[in-house]
């Protein structure tokens, strides 16, 4: 991915919807990664450096609110 472009992680189990969102973001100049399940998406979100994470709140494999709490950093740390 390019160093100057903002990085976005899309976590969406519907492949067609994830691709559509990713295409729109890429057309707007963002560097986009996609994950199609909660487990790999959250692992990538915690391990990668992203400016924004687009999260499907209705993921079947994990509750999104619990996942957001897992990703939520201490107030002084701008992550996830």
Protein backbone atom coordinates (compact mmCIF):
# COMPACT_ATOMS: atom_id res chain seq x y z
CA UNK A 1 0.00 0.00 0.00
CA UNK A 2 1.08 3.53 -0.66
CA UNK A 3 2.60 5.48 2.23
CA UNK A 4 0.62 8.70 1.70
CA UNK A 5 -2.83 7.16 1.31
CA UNK A 6 -5.09 6.71 4.31
CA UNK A 7 -5.57 3.06 5.22
CA UNK A 8 -9.03 1.57 5.69
CA UNK A 9 -9.97 -1.92 6.87
CA UNK A 10 -13.39 -3.15 5.77
CA UNK A 11 -14.77 -6.02 7.90
CA UNK A 12 -17.89 -7.31 6.14
CA UNK A 13 -19.09 -10.90 5.65
CA UNK A 14 -21.05 -10.09 2.48
CA UNK A 15 -18.34 -10.30 -0.18
CA UNK A 16 -20.23 -8.26 -2.78
CA UNK A 17 -20.94 -5.46 -0.31
CA UNK A 18 -17.35 -5.47 0.95
CA UNK A 19 -16.08 -5.22 -2.62
CA UNK A 20 -18.47 -2.36 -3.43
CA UNK A 21 -17.41 -0.41 -0.33
CA UNK A 22 -13.74 -1.11 -1.04
CA UNK A 23 -14.09 0.03 -4.66
CA UNK A 24 -15.73 3.30 -3.61
CA UNK A 25 -13.02 3.95 -1.05
CA UNK A 26 -10.24 3.08 -3.49
CA UNK A 27 -11.77 5.40 -6.10
CA UNK A 28 -11.65 8.14 -3.44
CA UNK A 29 -7.93 7.51 -2.95
CA UNK A 30 -7.89 5.23 0.10
CA UNK A 31 -5.78 2.10 0.46
CA UNK A 32 -8.24 -0.64 1.44
CA UNK A 33 -7.91 -4.10 2.97
CA UNK A 34 -10.89 -6.44 3.31
CA UNK A 35 -11.66 -9.20 5.79
CA UNK A 36 -14.80 -11.28 5.58
CA UNK A 37 -15.17 -12.63 9.09
CA UNK A 38 -14.90 -11.20 12.57
CA UNK A 39 -11.96 -13.28 13.72
CA UNK A 40 -9.57 -12.39 10.89
CA UNK A 41 -10.91 -8.83 10.74
CA UNK A 42 -10.30 -8.12 14.39
CA UNK A 43 -6.87 -9.76 14.28
CA UNK A 44 -5.97 -7.56 11.31
CA UNK A 45 -7.44 -4.47 12.98
CA UNK A 46 -5.42 -5.03 16.12
CA UNK A 47 -2.23 -5.92 14.26
CA UNK A 48 -2.37 -3.40 11.41
CA UNK A 49 -2.16 0.35 11.37
CA UNK A 50 -5.41 1.68 9.97
CA UNK A 51 -6.85 5.16 9.94
CA UNK A 52 -10.41 3.82 9.84
CA UNK A 53 -12.13 0.47 10.31
CA UNK A 54 -15.49 -0.05 8.62
CA UNK A 55 -17.23 -2.74 10.66
CA UNK A 56 -20.38 -4.71 9.84
CA UNK A 57 -22.40 -4.52 13.05
CA UNK A 58 -24.29 -7.71 12.15
CA UNK A 59 -21.33 -10.10 11.77
CA UNK A 60 -22.48 -13.66 12.44
CA UNK A 61 -19.30 -14.89 14.15
CA UNK A 62 -18.96 -12.23 16.83
CA UNK A 63 -20.97 -9.44 18.35
CA UNK A 64 -19.76 -6.17 16.94
CA UNK A 65 -20.20 -4.24 20.18
CA UNK A 66 -17.97 -6.73 22.04
CA UNK A 67 -15.44 -6.50 19.23
CA UNK A 68 -15.41 -2.72 19.36
CA UNK A 69 -14.79 -2.86 23.11
CA UNK A 70 -11.93 -5.31 22.46
CA UNK A 71 -10.39 -2.94 19.93
CA UNK A 72 -11.00 0.20 21.96
CA UNK A 73 -7.66 1.48 23.20
CA UNK A 74 -6.97 3.49 26.33
CA UNK A 75 -7.95 7.12 25.75
CA UNK A 76 -4.34 8.19 25.21
CA UNK A 77 -3.63 5.63 22.45
CA UNK A 78 -5.03 6.34 18.97
CA UNK A 79 -5.57 2.74 17.73
CA UNK A 80 -8.38 0.64 16.35
